[in-house]
Amino acid sequence: MKFTKAQHAMEQIWAAILTRQLSLTARAEGDYPLTVSALCEQLSLSTATARDGLHLLAVEGRVLYQPHLGYRLTPLSQADWQALIQALKGLFGAFIDSFPSKLNEQTALQVLGLIHSIQHLPAKDSADITTMTYWHQTLHTQLLCGINPYLQKALMPVMAQHQRYLTHPDVKIDWLAQWQQLFPIVRGLVSPRPQAYTQRYQQYWQSLNQHLDDQLTALTSGQFL
């Protein structure tokens, strides 16, 4: 079945919301207004396509629409979040159990991209953050062992830094891109000639830590620190 322009727009808008590529400003009531002008500006959609995409999202119940307030994205209620977190626990538990003993590197990187989407979940309290961090760490460990058992030890410092910033929504880092940069270096560290990769490994860390410092310096909430 071929998608219409409106259906494509709906999926593009929804993907942008889920991956936080769409910049939205919360109202005092706690919801987020979705305007056609914002979608046109940020996603390069035409006025008609953005409007039709929003309409389909409202029809499917993904966003709310009221004539006097327009289209709105509302945060999960506590009851909805608890139902979601229970379902995700079962999903990721089954996901981990079904992993083969070894994965090739390309497959592993693709799965890492999926894992990193966990950081976009709206964690409500420390227990939820702990659960998500556990999933992430478990999956990372299995993936690293599958690619190369030696990588697990070599990458432990990266994983520790990664875990610290995993669930903080304001630290916006493309972790998948970071790992794609790091893998060739780490493969070199466990090769017969690791000395040639030592300087590249140090440069990677300096670059990552500088980026984290810049991100944290820009924060004003103080919630994380």
N, C-alpha and C. Protein backbone atom coordinates (compact mmCIF):
# COMPACT_ATOMS: atom_id res chain seq x y z
N MET A 1 0.85 -1.20 0.00
CA MET A 1 0.00 0.00 0.00
C MET A 1 0.89 1.25 0.00
N LYS A 2 0.63 2.16 -0.94
CA LYS A 2 1.45 3.35 -1.08
C LYS A 2 0.98 4.44 -0.12
N PHE A 3 1.95 5.07 0.57
CA PHE A 3 1.63 6.14 1.50
C PHE A 3 1.30 7.43 0.74
N THR A 4 0.37 8.19 1.29
CA THR A 4 0.07 9.52 0.75
C THR A 4 1.07 10.52 1.33
N LYS A 5 1.08 11.74 0.78
CA LYS A 5 1.94 12.79 1.30
C LYS A 5 1.62 13.09 2.76
N ALA A 6 0.33 13.05 3.09
CA ALA A 6 -0.08 13.32 4.46
C ALA A 6 0.43 12.25 5.41
N GLN A 7 0.40 10.99 4.98
CA GLN A 7 0.89 9.90 5.82
C GLN A 7 2.40 9.99 6.01
N HIS A 8 3.10 10.33 4.93
CA HIS A 8 4.55 10.54 5.05
C HIS A 8 4.84 11.68 6.02
N ALA A 9 4.07 12.76 5.93
CA ALA A 9 4.27 13.91 6.81
C ALA A 9 3.99 13.52 8.26
N MET A 10 2.93 12.74 8.47
CA MET A 10 2.60 12.28 9.81
C MET A 10 3.77 11.51 10.42
N GLU A 11 4.34 10.56 9.66
CA GLU A 11 5.46 9.77 10.18
C GLU A 11 6.69 10.63 10.41
N GLN A 12 6.93 11.61 9.53
CA GLN A 12 8.08 12.49 9.69
C GLN A 12 7.94 13.34 10.95
N ILE A 13 6.75 13.87 11.17
CA ILE A 13 6.50 14.70 12.36
C ILE A 13 6.66 13.86 13.61
N TRP A 14 6.08 12.66 13.60
CA TRP A 14 6.11 11.80 14.79
C TRP A 14 7.54 11.36 15.09
N ALA A 15 8.30 11.02 14.05
CA ALA A 15 9.70 10.63 14.25
C ALA A 15 10.51 11.78 14.83
N ALA A 16 10.23 13.00 14.37
CA ALA A 16 10.94 14.17 14.88
C ALA A 16 10.61 14.40 16.35
N ILE A 17 9.36 14.14 16.73
CA ILE A 17 8.96 14.28 18.14
C ILE A 17 9.68 13.24 18.99
N LEU A 18 9.68 11.98 18.55
CA LEU A 18 10.26 10.90 19.34
C LEU A 18 11.77 11.05 19.51
N THR A 19 12.43 11.57 18.51
CA THR A 19 13.89 11.69 18.56
C THR A 19 14.35 13.08 19.00
N ARG A 20 13.40 13.90 19.44
CA ARG A 20 13.69 15.24 19.96
C ARG A 20 14.38 16.14 18.94
N GLN A 21 14.10 15.91 17.69
CA GLN A 21 14.62 16.80 16.64
C GLN A 21 13.73 18.01 16.47
N LEU A 22 12.54 17.95 17.05
CA LEU A 22 11.59 19.05 16.95
C LEU A 22 11.65 19.86 18.23
N SER A 23 11.95 21.12 18.10
CA SER A 23 12.06 22.00 19.26
C SER A 23 10.68 22.53 19.64
N LEU A 24 10.20 22.14 20.82
CA LEU A 24 8.87 22.55 21.28
C LEU A 24 8.99 23.28 22.61
N THR A 25 8.15 24.26 22.81
CA THR A 25 8.15 25.03 24.05
C THR A 25 6.89 24.70 24.86
N ALA A 26 7.09 24.28 26.10
CA ALA A 26 5.96 23.88 26.95
C ALA A 26 5.17 25.10 27.39
N ARG A 27 3.85 24.93 27.47
CA ARG A 27 2.99 25.97 28.04
C ARG A 27 2.97 25.80 29.55
N ALA A 28 2.39 26.76 30.24
CA ALA A 28 2.31 26.69 31.70
C ALA A 28 1.52 25.46 32.16
N GLU A 29 0.58 25.02 31.35
CA GLU A 29 -0.24 23.86 31.70
C GLU A 29 0.52 22.54 31.55
N GLY A 30 1.71 22.56 30.95
CA GLY A 30 2.51 21.36 30.84
C GLY A 30 2.47 20.66 29.49
N ASP A 31 1.60 21.13 28.59
CA ASP A 31 1.55 20.51 27.26
C ASP A 31 2.40 21.32 26.28
N TYR A 32 2.55 20.78 25.06
CA TYR A 32 3.40 21.40 24.05
C TYR A 32 2.58 21.71 22.80
N PRO A 33 2.42 22.98 22.45
CA PRO A 33 1.67 23.32 21.23
C PRO A 33 2.43 22.91 19.98
N LEU A 34 1.71 22.34 19.02
CA LEU A 34 2.28 21.96 17.73
C LEU A 34 1.65 22.86 16.67
N THR A 35 2.44 23.75 16.11
CA THR A 35 1.90 24.68 15.13
C THR A 35 2.40 24.32 13.72
N VAL A 36 1.58 24.64 12.75
CA VAL A 36 1.95 24.39 11.35
C VAL A 36 3.21 25.17 10.99
N SER A 37 3.30 26.41 11.45
CA SER A 37 4.47 27.25 11.12
C SER A 37 5.76 26.64 11.66
N ALA A 38 5.72 26.08 12.89
CA ALA A 38 6.92 25.47 13.47
C ALA A 38 7.35 24.25 12.69
N LEU A 39 6.38 23.45 12.25
CA LEU A 39 6.70 22.25 11.48
C LEU A 39 7.28 22.62 10.11
N CYS A 40 6.71 23.65 9.50
CA CYS A 40 7.23 24.09 8.19
C CYS A 40 8.67 24.58 8.32
N GLU A 41 8.93 25.33 9.38
CA GLU A 41 10.25 25.91 9.57
C GLU A 41 11.30 24.85 9.92
N GLN A 42 10.94 23.93 10.83
CA GLN A 42 11.94 22.98 11.34
C GLN A 42 12.06 21.71 10.50
N LEU A 43 10.98 21.31 9.82
CA LEU A 43 11.01 20.05 9.07
C LEU A 43 10.91 20.26 7.56
N SER A 44 10.88 21.51 7.14
CA SER A 44 10.82 21.85 5.71
C SER A 44 9.59 21.25 5.02
N LEU A 45 8.45 21.30 5.71
CA LEU A 45 7.20 20.83 5.14
C LEU A 45 6.42 22.01 4.57
N SER A 46 5.57 21.74 3.59
CA SER A 46 4.68 22.78 3.10
C SER A 46 3.55 22.97 4.10
N THR A 47 2.88 24.11 4.01
CA THR A 47 1.79 24.40 4.95
C THR A 47 0.71 23.33 4.87
N ALA A 48 0.31 22.97 3.67
CA ALA A 48 -0.76 21.98 3.50
C ALA A 48 -0.34 20.61 4.02
N THR A 49 0.90 20.21 3.73
CA THR A 49 1.37 18.89 4.16
C THR A 49 1.50 18.82 5.67
N ALA A 50 2.01 19.88 6.29
CA ALA A 50 2.14 19.92 7.75
C ALA A 50 0.76 19.86 8.40
N ARG A 51 -0.18 20.59 7.86
CA ARG A 51 -1.54 20.60 8.41
C ARG A 51 -2.18 19.22 8.29
N ASP A 52 -2.02 18.59 7.13
CA ASP A 52 -2.61 17.26 6.92
C ASP A 52 -1.94 16.21 7.82
N GLY A 53 -0.61 16.34 8.02
CA GLY A 53 0.09 15.40 8.89
C GLY A 53 -0.37 15.53 10.33
N LEU A 54 -0.56 16.76 10.79
CA LEU A 54 -1.07 16.99 12.15
C LEU A 54 -2.48 16.43 12.31
N HIS A 55 -3.29 16.61 11.28
CA HIS A 55 -4.66 16.09 11.33
C HIS A 55 -4.66 14.57 11.50
N LEU A 56 -3.80 13.87 10.76
CA LEU A 56 -3.74 12.41 10.88
C LEU A 56 -3.23 11.98 12.25
N LEU A 57 -2.27 12.72 12.80
CA LEU A 57 -1.79 12.42 14.15
C LEU A 57 -2.91 12.55 15.17
N ALA A 58 -3.74 13.57 15.00
CA ALA A 58 -4.87 13.76 15.92
C ALA A 58 -5.90 12.65 15.75
N VAL A 59 -6.16 12.25 14.49
CA VAL A 59 -7.13 11.18 14.23
C VAL A 59 -6.66 9.88 14.90
N GLU A 60 -5.35 9.62 14.87
CA GLU A 60 -4.82 8.40 15.48
C GLU A 60 -4.63 8.52 16.99
N GLY A 61 -4.90 9.69 17.53
CA GLY A 61 -4.82 9.86 18.97
C GLY A 61 -3.42 10.11 19.49
N ARG A 62 -2.46 10.38 18.60
CA ARG A 62 -1.09 10.63 19.06
C ARG A 62 -0.92 12.04 19.61
N VAL A 63 -1.71 12.98 19.09
CA VAL A 63 -1.72 14.34 19.62
C VAL A 63 -3.18 14.74 19.85
N LEU A 64 -3.37 15.78 20.64
CA LEU A 64 -4.71 16.27 20.92
C LEU A 64 -5.03 17.47 20.03
N TYR A 65 -6.31 17.64 19.73
CA TYR A 65 -6.74 18.82 18.98
C TYR A 65 -8.01 19.38 19.61
N GLN A 66 -7.98 20.68 19.90
CA GLN A 66 -9.15 21.40 20.36
C GLN A 66 -9.21 22.71 19.58
N PRO A 67 -10.39 23.08 19.09
CA PRO A 67 -10.49 24.28 18.24
C PRO A 67 -9.88 25.54 18.85
N HIS A 68 -10.06 25.71 20.17
CA HIS A 68 -9.58 26.95 20.78
C HIS A 68 -8.10 26.87 21.20
N LEU A 69 -7.51 25.66 21.21
CA LEU A 69 -6.11 25.50 21.61
C LEU A 69 -5.22 24.97 20.49
N GLY A 70 -5.82 24.43 19.43
CA GLY A 70 -5.04 23.87 18.34
C GLY A 70 -4.51 22.48 18.65
N TYR A 71 -3.45 22.10 17.98
CA TYR A 71 -2.84 20.78 18.18
C TYR A 71 -1.86 20.85 19.35
N ARG A 72 -1.89 19.81 20.18
CA ARG A 72 -1.02 19.80 21.37
C ARG A 72 -0.47 18.41 21.60
N LEU A 73 0.76 18.38 22.10
CA LEU A 73 1.39 17.13 22.54
C LEU A 73 1.37 17.15 24.06
N THR A 74 0.77 16.14 24.67
CA THR A 74 0.66 16.13 26.12
C THR A 74 1.58 15.07 26.72
N PRO A 75 2.19 15.35 27.87
CA PRO A 75 3.07 14.37 28.51
C PRO A 75 2.26 13.18 29.03
N LEU A 76 2.95 12.06 29.23
CA LEU A 76 2.29 10.87 29.77
C LEU A 76 1.82 11.11 31.19
N SER A 77 0.66 10.59 31.51
CA SER A 77 0.21 10.60 32.90
C SER A 77 1.00 9.53 33.66
N GLN A 78 0.98 9.59 34.98
CA GLN A 78 1.68 8.59 35.78
C GLN A 78 1.14 7.19 35.51
N ALA A 79 -0.17 7.09 35.36
CA ALA A 79 -0.78 5.77 35.09
C ALA A 79 -0.33 5.22 33.74
N ASP A 80 -0.31 6.10 32.72
CA ASP A 80 0.14 5.67 31.40
C ASP A 80 1.61 5.26 31.43
N TRP A 81 2.42 6.03 32.17
CA TRP A 81 3.84 5.72 32.23
C TRP A 81 4.07 4.36 32.88
N GLN A 82 3.36 4.08 33.96
CA GLN A 82 3.54 2.79 34.65
C GLN A 82 3.18 1.63 33.73
N ALA A 83 2.11 1.79 32.95
CA ALA A 83 1.73 0.73 32.01
C ALA A 83 2.80 0.56 30.94
N LEU A 84 3.36 1.68 30.47
CA LEU A 84 4.39 1.63 29.44
C LEU A 84 5.66 0.99 29.96
N ILE A 85 6.09 1.37 31.15
CA ILE A 85 7.35 0.84 31.68
C ILE A 85 7.25 -0.66 31.92
N GLN A 86 6.08 -1.15 32.34
CA GLN A 86 5.91 -2.59 32.54
C GLN A 86 6.00 -3.33 31.21
N ALA A 87 5.38 -2.76 30.18
CA ALA A 87 5.43 -3.40 28.86
C ALA A 87 6.86 -3.41 28.33
N LEU A 88 7.59 -2.32 28.54
CA LEU A 88 8.96 -2.24 28.06
C LEU A 88 9.88 -3.21 28.78
N LYS A 89 9.63 -3.42 30.07
CA LYS A 89 10.44 -4.39 30.82
C LYS A 89 10.32 -5.77 30.19
N GLY A 90 9.08 -6.15 29.86
CA GLY A 90 8.87 -7.44 29.22
C GLY A 90 9.49 -7.50 27.83
N LEU A 91 9.36 -6.39 27.08
CA LEU A 91 9.90 -6.34 25.72
C LEU A 91 11.41 -6.48 25.71
N PHE A 92 12.09 -5.69 26.55
CA PHE A 92 13.54 -5.73 26.55
C PHE A 92 14.07 -7.01 27.18
N GLY A 93 13.33 -7.56 28.13
CA GLY A 93 13.73 -8.85 28.69
C GLY A 93 13.75 -9.92 27.62
N ALA A 94 12.69 -9.96 26.78
CA ALA A 94 12.62 -10.93 25.69
C ALA A 94 13.69 -10.64 24.64
N PHE A 95 13.95 -9.35 24.42
CA PHE A 95 14.94 -8.93 23.43
C PHE A 95 16.33 -9.45 23.82
N ILE A 96 16.69 -9.27 25.08
CA ILE A 96 18.00 -9.70 25.56
C ILE A 96 18.12 -11.22 25.49
N ASP A 97 17.06 -11.93 25.91
CA ASP A 97 17.09 -13.39 25.93
C ASP A 97 17.23 -13.99 24.54
N SER A 98 16.76 -13.27 23.51
CA SER A 98 16.76 -13.83 22.17
C SER A 98 18.03 -13.53 21.39
N PHE A 99 18.97 -12.77 21.98
CA PHE A 99 20.21 -12.45 21.28
C PHE A 99 21.04 -13.70 21.01
N PRO A 100 21.62 -13.81 19.82
CA PRO A 100 22.58 -14.89 19.58
C PRO A 100 23.86 -14.63 20.36
N SER A 101 24.71 -15.64 20.46
CA SER A 101 25.93 -15.48 21.25
C SER A 101 26.91 -14.50 20.63
N LYS A 102 26.84 -14.34 19.29
CA LYS A 102 27.72 -13.40 18.61
C LYS A 102 26.94 -12.59 17.57
N LEU A 103 27.33 -11.33 17.43
CA LEU A 103 26.75 -10.47 16.41
C LEU A 103 27.88 -9.86 15.59
N ASN A 104 27.63 -9.68 14.28
CA ASN A 104 28.66 -8.98 13.51
C ASN A 104 28.59 -7.49 13.84
N GLU A 105 29.64 -6.78 13.48
CA GLU A 105 29.76 -5.40 13.93
C GLU A 105 28.67 -4.50 13.36
N GLN A 106 28.30 -4.66 12.08
CA GLN A 106 27.28 -3.81 11.49
C GLN A 106 25.94 -4.01 12.18
N THR A 107 25.60 -5.27 12.43
CA THR A 107 24.34 -5.56 13.14
C THR A 107 24.38 -4.95 14.54
N ALA A 108 25.53 -5.10 15.20
CA ALA A 108 25.67 -4.55 16.54
C ALA A 108 25.46 -3.04 16.56
N LEU A 109 26.03 -2.34 15.59
CA LEU A 109 25.87 -0.89 15.53
C LEU A 109 24.41 -0.50 15.29
N GLN A 110 23.73 -1.28 14.46
CA GLN A 110 22.32 -0.99 14.21
C GLN A 110 21.50 -1.19 15.48
N VAL A 111 21.81 -2.25 16.21
CA VAL A 111 21.08 -2.50 17.46
C VAL A 111 21.43 -1.43 18.49
N LEU A 112 22.68 -0.97 18.48
CA LEU A 112 23.06 0.12 19.39
C LEU A 112 22.21 1.37 19.13
N GLY A 113 21.94 1.63 17.85
CA GLY A 113 21.08 2.77 17.53
C GLY A 113 19.71 2.63 18.16
N LEU A 114 19.18 1.40 18.16
CA LEU A 114 17.89 1.15 18.80
C LEU A 114 17.99 1.33 20.31
N ILE A 115 19.07 0.80 20.87
CA ILE A 115 19.26 0.92 22.32
C ILE A 115 19.31 2.38 22.75
N HIS A 116 19.98 3.20 21.94
CA HIS A 116 20.16 4.59 22.33
C HIS A 116 18.86 5.38 22.30
N SER A 117 17.85 4.86 21.64
CA SER A 117 16.56 5.54 21.67
C SER A 117 15.94 5.46 23.06
N ILE A 118 16.47 4.57 23.91
CA ILE A 118 15.97 4.48 25.28
C ILE A 118 16.13 5.81 26.00
N GLN A 119 17.20 6.55 25.69
CA GLN A 119 17.44 7.79 26.41
C GLN A 119 16.35 8.82 26.17
N HIS A 120 15.51 8.61 25.15
CA HIS A 120 14.44 9.56 24.88
C HIS A 120 13.15 9.24 25.64
N LEU A 121 13.15 8.14 26.40
CA LEU A 121 11.96 7.82 27.19
C LEU A 121 11.82 8.82 28.33
N PRO A 122 10.60 9.20 28.67
CA PRO A 122 10.40 10.21 29.72
C PRO A 122 10.50 9.61 31.11
N ALA A 123 11.72 9.45 31.61
CA ALA A 123 11.92 8.85 32.94
C ALA A 123 11.21 9.69 34.00
N LYS A 124 10.49 9.02 34.88
CA LYS A 124 9.71 9.73 35.88
C LYS A 124 10.39 9.79 37.25
N ASP A 125 11.16 8.77 37.59
CA ASP A 125 11.81 8.77 38.90
C ASP A 125 13.08 7.93 38.81
N SER A 126 13.79 7.86 39.94
CA SER A 126 15.09 7.19 39.94
C SER A 126 14.97 5.70 39.63
N ALA A 127 13.87 5.08 40.02
CA ALA A 127 13.68 3.66 39.75
C ALA A 127 13.60 3.40 38.25
N ASP A 128 12.89 4.25 37.53
CA ASP A 128 12.76 4.10 36.08
C ASP A 128 14.11 4.34 35.40
N ILE A 129 14.85 5.34 35.89
CA ILE A 129 16.17 5.63 35.32
C ILE A 129 17.10 4.44 35.54
N THR A 130 17.03 3.84 36.73
CA THR A 130 17.86 2.68 37.03
C THR A 130 17.53 1.52 36.11
N THR A 131 16.23 1.31 35.85
CA THR A 131 15.81 0.22 34.97
C THR A 131 16.35 0.43 33.56
N MET A 132 16.21 1.64 33.04
CA MET A 132 16.67 1.93 31.68
C MET A 132 18.19 1.79 31.58
N THR A 133 18.90 2.25 32.61
CA THR A 133 20.35 2.13 32.60
C THR A 133 20.77 0.67 32.63
N TYR A 134 20.06 -0.15 33.38
CA TYR A 134 20.37 -1.58 33.44
C TYR A 134 20.19 -2.24 32.07
N TRP A 135 19.07 -1.92 31.40
CA TRP A 135 18.85 -2.46 30.04
C TRP A 135 20.01 -2.08 29.14
N HIS A 136 20.36 -0.81 29.20
CA HIS A 136 21.39 -0.30 28.30
C HIS A 136 22.72 -1.00 28.55
N GLN A 137 23.09 -1.12 29.82
CA GLN A 137 24.37 -1.72 30.17
C GLN A 137 24.40 -3.20 29.79
N THR A 138 23.29 -3.91 30.03
CA THR A 138 23.23 -5.33 29.70
C THR A 138 23.37 -5.55 28.20
N LEU A 139 22.66 -4.76 27.42
CA LEU A 139 22.73 -4.90 25.97
C LEU A 139 24.11 -4.55 25.44
N HIS A 140 24.71 -3.49 25.98
CA HIS A 140 26.05 -3.12 25.56
C HIS A 140 27.03 -4.27 25.82
N THR A 141 26.95 -4.86 27.00
CA THR A 141 27.87 -5.93 27.37
C THR A 141 27.73 -7.11 26.42
N GLN A 142 26.49 -7.49 26.11
CA GLN A 142 26.28 -8.62 25.20
C GLN A 142 26.79 -8.31 23.79
N LEU A 143 26.57 -7.07 23.36
CA LEU A 143 27.02 -6.70 22.02
C LEU A 143 28.54 -6.70 21.93
N LEU A 144 29.20 -6.16 22.94
CA LEU A 144 30.65 -6.09 22.92
C LEU A 144 31.26 -7.48 22.96
N CYS A 145 30.71 -8.36 23.77
CA CYS A 145 31.23 -9.74 23.83
C CYS A 145 31.04 -10.43 22.49
N GLY A 146 29.93 -10.12 21.81
CA GLY A 146 29.67 -10.75 20.52
C GLY A 146 30.60 -10.27 19.43
N ILE A 147 30.97 -8.98 19.48
CA ILE A 147 31.85 -8.44 18.45
C ILE A 147 33.28 -8.92 18.69
N ASN A 148 33.76 -8.73 19.89
CA ASN A 148 35.14 -9.10 20.23
C ASN A 148 35.25 -9.08 21.76
N PRO A 149 35.52 -10.23 22.38
CA PRO A 149 35.58 -10.27 23.85
C PRO A 149 36.55 -9.26 24.44
N TYR A 150 37.61 -8.94 23.71
CA TYR A 150 38.60 -7.99 24.24
C TYR A 150 38.07 -6.57 24.27
N LEU A 151 37.05 -6.29 23.44
CA LEU A 151 36.52 -4.93 23.40
C LEU A 151 35.84 -4.55 24.71
N GLN A 152 35.27 -5.52 25.38
CA GLN A 152 34.52 -5.21 26.59
C GLN A 152 35.43 -4.49 27.61
N LYS A 153 36.61 -5.03 27.85
CA LYS A 153 37.53 -4.41 28.80
C LYS A 153 38.02 -3.06 28.29
N ALA A 154 38.33 -3.02 27.00
CA ALA A 154 38.86 -1.78 26.44
C ALA A 154 37.84 -0.64 26.46
N LEU A 155 36.55 -1.00 26.38
CA LEU A 155 35.51 0.03 26.28
C LEU A 155 34.85 0.36 27.62
N MET A 156 35.27 -0.26 28.70
CA MET A 156 34.64 0.01 29.98
C MET A 156 34.67 1.49 30.36
N PRO A 157 35.78 2.22 30.14
CA PRO A 157 35.76 3.66 30.48
C PRO A 157 34.70 4.42 29.68
N VAL A 158 34.54 4.07 28.40
CA VAL A 158 33.53 4.74 27.58
C VAL A 158 32.14 4.44 28.11
N MET A 159 31.91 3.18 28.47
CA MET A 159 30.59 2.79 28.97
C MET A 159 30.27 3.52 30.26
N ALA A 160 31.27 3.68 31.13
CA ALA A 160 31.04 4.38 32.40
C ALA A 160 30.64 5.83 32.15
N GLN A 161 31.33 6.50 31.24
CA GLN A 161 30.99 7.88 30.90
C GLN A 161 29.62 7.94 30.25
N HIS A 162 29.35 6.99 29.38
CA HIS A 162 28.08 6.91 28.66
C HIS A 162 26.92 6.76 29.64
N GLN A 163 27.09 5.86 30.62
CA GLN A 163 26.01 5.59 31.58
C GLN A 163 25.66 6.85 32.37
N ARG A 164 26.66 7.65 32.65
CA ARG A 164 26.42 8.82 33.50
C ARG A 164 25.47 9.80 32.84
N TYR A 165 25.58 9.94 31.52
CA TYR A 165 24.80 10.96 30.83
C TYR A 165 23.64 10.38 30.02
N LEU A 166 23.43 9.07 30.16
CA LEU A 166 22.45 8.38 29.31
C LEU A 166 21.06 8.98 29.37
N THR A 167 20.53 9.18 30.58
CA THR A 167 19.12 9.55 30.70
C THR A 167 18.90 11.04 30.91
N HIS A 168 19.93 11.86 30.76
CA HIS A 168 19.73 13.29 30.92
C HIS A 168 19.33 13.90 29.59
N PRO A 169 18.11 14.42 29.50
CA PRO A 169 17.59 14.85 28.19
C PRO A 169 18.30 16.06 27.59
N ASP A 170 18.98 16.85 28.43
CA ASP A 170 19.59 18.07 27.91
C ASP A 170 20.99 17.84 27.34
N VAL A 171 21.58 16.69 27.63
CA VAL A 171 22.90 16.38 27.08
C VAL A 171 22.69 15.68 25.74
N LYS A 172 22.70 16.45 24.69
CA LYS A 172 22.33 15.93 23.37
C LYS A 172 23.60 15.49 22.62
N ILE A 173 23.83 14.18 22.64
CA ILE A 173 25.00 13.61 21.97
C ILE A 173 24.53 12.47 21.08
N ASP A 174 25.05 12.45 19.88
CA ASP A 174 24.75 11.34 18.97
C ASP A 174 25.68 10.19 19.33
N TRP A 175 25.20 9.34 20.26
CA TRP A 175 26.07 8.28 20.75
C TRP A 175 26.39 7.26 19.68
N LEU A 176 25.47 7.03 18.77
CA LEU A 176 25.75 6.06 17.71
C LEU A 176 26.92 6.53 16.86
N ALA A 177 26.93 7.81 16.52
CA ALA A 177 28.04 8.36 15.74
C ALA A 177 29.34 8.27 16.54
N GLN A 178 29.25 8.51 17.85
CA GLN A 178 30.44 8.42 18.69
C GLN A 178 31.02 7.01 18.67
N TRP A 179 30.15 6.02 18.75
CA TRP A 179 30.62 4.63 18.76
C TRP A 179 31.19 4.23 17.40
N GLN A 180 30.60 4.74 16.34
CA GLN A 180 31.13 4.44 15.01
C GLN A 180 32.53 5.01 14.84
N GLN A 181 32.80 6.15 15.47
CA GLN A 181 34.14 6.72 15.44
C GLN A 181 35.11 5.91 16.30
N LEU A 182 34.59 5.38 17.39
CA LEU A 182 35.46 4.73 18.37
C LEU A 182 35.85 3.31 18.00
N PHE A 183 34.95 2.57 17.36
CA PHE A 183 35.21 1.15 17.11
C PHE A 183 36.52 0.90 16.37
N PRO A 184 36.83 1.62 15.28
CA PRO A 184 38.11 1.35 14.60
C PRO A 184 39.31 1.58 15.51
N ILE A 185 39.20 2.57 16.39
CA ILE A 185 40.32 2.86 17.30
C ILE A 185 40.49 1.72 18.30
N VAL A 186 39.38 1.25 18.86
CA VAL A 186 39.46 0.20 19.87
C VAL A 186 39.91 -1.12 19.25
N ARG A 187 39.47 -1.37 18.02
CA ARG A 187 39.97 -2.57 17.34
C ARG A 187 41.49 -2.51 17.23
N GLY A 188 42.01 -1.29 17.01
CA GLY A 188 43.46 -1.14 16.92
C GLY A 188 44.13 -1.36 18.26
N LEU A 189 43.44 -0.95 19.36
CA LEU A 189 44.02 -1.13 20.69
C LEU A 189 44.18 -2.60 21.06
N VAL A 190 43.34 -3.46 20.50
CA VAL A 190 43.46 -4.89 20.82
C VAL A 190 44.13 -5.65 19.67
N SER A 191 44.78 -4.91 18.78
CA SER A 191 45.50 -5.52 17.66
C SER A 191 46.96 -5.78 18.08
N PRO A 192 47.74 -6.43 17.22
CA PRO A 192 49.15 -6.68 17.56
C PRO A 192 49.98 -5.41 17.72
N ARG A 193 49.51 -4.28 17.18
CA ARG A 193 50.27 -3.02 17.28
C ARG A 193 49.41 -1.92 17.90
N PRO A 194 49.13 -2.02 19.18
CA PRO A 194 48.23 -1.05 19.82
C PRO A 194 48.83 0.35 19.95
N GLN A 195 50.18 0.46 19.94
CA GLN A 195 50.80 1.76 20.16
C GLN A 195 50.35 2.80 19.14
N ALA A 196 50.12 2.37 17.92
CA ALA A 196 49.74 3.30 16.85
C ALA A 196 48.38 3.94 17.10
N TYR A 197 47.56 3.32 17.96
CA TYR A 197 46.20 3.82 18.18
C TYR A 197 46.05 4.54 19.52
N THR A 198 47.10 4.55 20.33
CA THR A 198 47.00 5.16 21.65
C THR A 198 46.68 6.64 21.57
N GLN A 199 47.37 7.36 20.68
CA GLN A 199 47.15 8.81 20.57
C GLN A 199 45.74 9.10 20.05
N ARG A 200 45.25 8.30 19.08
CA ARG A 200 43.89 8.51 18.57
C ARG A 200 42.86 8.27 19.66
N TYR A 201 43.13 7.29 20.52
CA TYR A 201 42.22 7.00 21.63
C TYR A 201 42.17 8.19 22.59
N GLN A 202 43.33 8.78 22.91
CA GLN A 202 43.39 9.94 23.79
C GLN A 202 42.66 11.14 23.17
N GLN A 203 42.86 11.33 21.87
CA GLN A 203 42.20 12.44 21.17
C GLN A 203 40.68 12.26 21.17
N TYR A 204 40.24 11.02 21.00
CA TYR A 204 38.80 10.75 21.05
C TYR A 204 38.24 11.16 22.40
N TRP A 205 38.92 10.76 23.47
CA TRP A 205 38.44 11.08 24.81
C TRP A 205 38.43 12.58 25.07
N GLN A 206 39.48 13.25 24.64
CA GLN A 206 39.54 14.70 24.83
C GLN A 206 38.39 15.40 24.11
N SER A 207 38.10 14.94 22.90
CA SER A 207 37.01 15.52 22.12
C SER A 207 35.67 15.27 22.78
N LEU A 208 35.44 14.03 23.23
CA LEU A 208 34.16 13.68 23.86
C LEU A 208 33.98 14.45 25.17
N ASN A 209 35.02 14.49 25.99
CA ASN A 209 34.91 15.18 27.28
C ASN A 209 34.71 16.68 27.09
N GLN A 210 35.35 17.26 26.08
CA GLN A 210 35.15 18.68 25.80
C GLN A 210 33.72 18.96 25.40
N HIS A 211 33.17 18.05 24.57
CA HIS A 211 31.78 18.20 24.14
C HIS A 211 30.84 18.11 25.33
N LEU A 212 31.09 17.16 26.23
CA LEU A 212 30.27 17.02 27.43
C LEU A 212 30.38 18.27 28.31
N ASP A 213 31.59 18.77 28.46
CA ASP A 213 31.79 19.98 29.27
C ASP A 213 31.00 21.15 28.69
N ASP A 214 31.03 21.30 27.37
CA ASP A 214 30.29 22.38 26.71
C ASP A 214 28.79 22.24 26.95
N GLN A 215 28.30 20.99 26.84
CA GLN A 215 26.87 20.75 27.05
C GLN A 215 26.47 21.07 28.48
N LEU A 216 27.25 20.60 29.44
CA LEU A 216 26.89 20.79 30.85
C LEU A 216 27.01 22.25 31.26
N THR A 217 27.97 22.96 30.69
CA THR A 217 28.12 24.38 30.99
C THR A 217 26.90 25.16 30.54
N ALA A 218 26.27 24.69 29.45
CA ALA A 218 25.11 25.39 28.89
C ALA A 218 23.84 25.13 29.69
N LEU A 219 23.85 24.11 30.55
CA LEU A 219 22.64 23.79 31.31
C LEU A 219 22.41 24.84 32.39
N THR A 220 21.16 25.10 32.66
CA THR A 220 20.82 26.09 33.70
C THR A 220 19.95 25.50 34.79
N SER A 221 19.38 24.30 34.57
CA SER A 221 18.42 23.76 35.51
C SER A 221 19.07 23.25 36.79
N GLY A 222 20.26 22.66 36.68
CA GLY A 222 20.90 22.10 37.86
C GLY A 222 20.29 20.80 38.34
N GLN A 223 19.33 20.25 37.60
CA GLN A 223 18.64 19.04 38.06
C GLN A 223 19.58 17.84 38.12
N PHE A 224 20.52 17.81 37.17
CA PHE A 224 21.36 16.61 37.05
C PHE A 224 22.59 16.69 37.95
N LEU A 225 23.14 17.88 38.05
CA LEU A 225 24.40 18.06 38.78
C LEU A 225 24.12 18.27 40.25
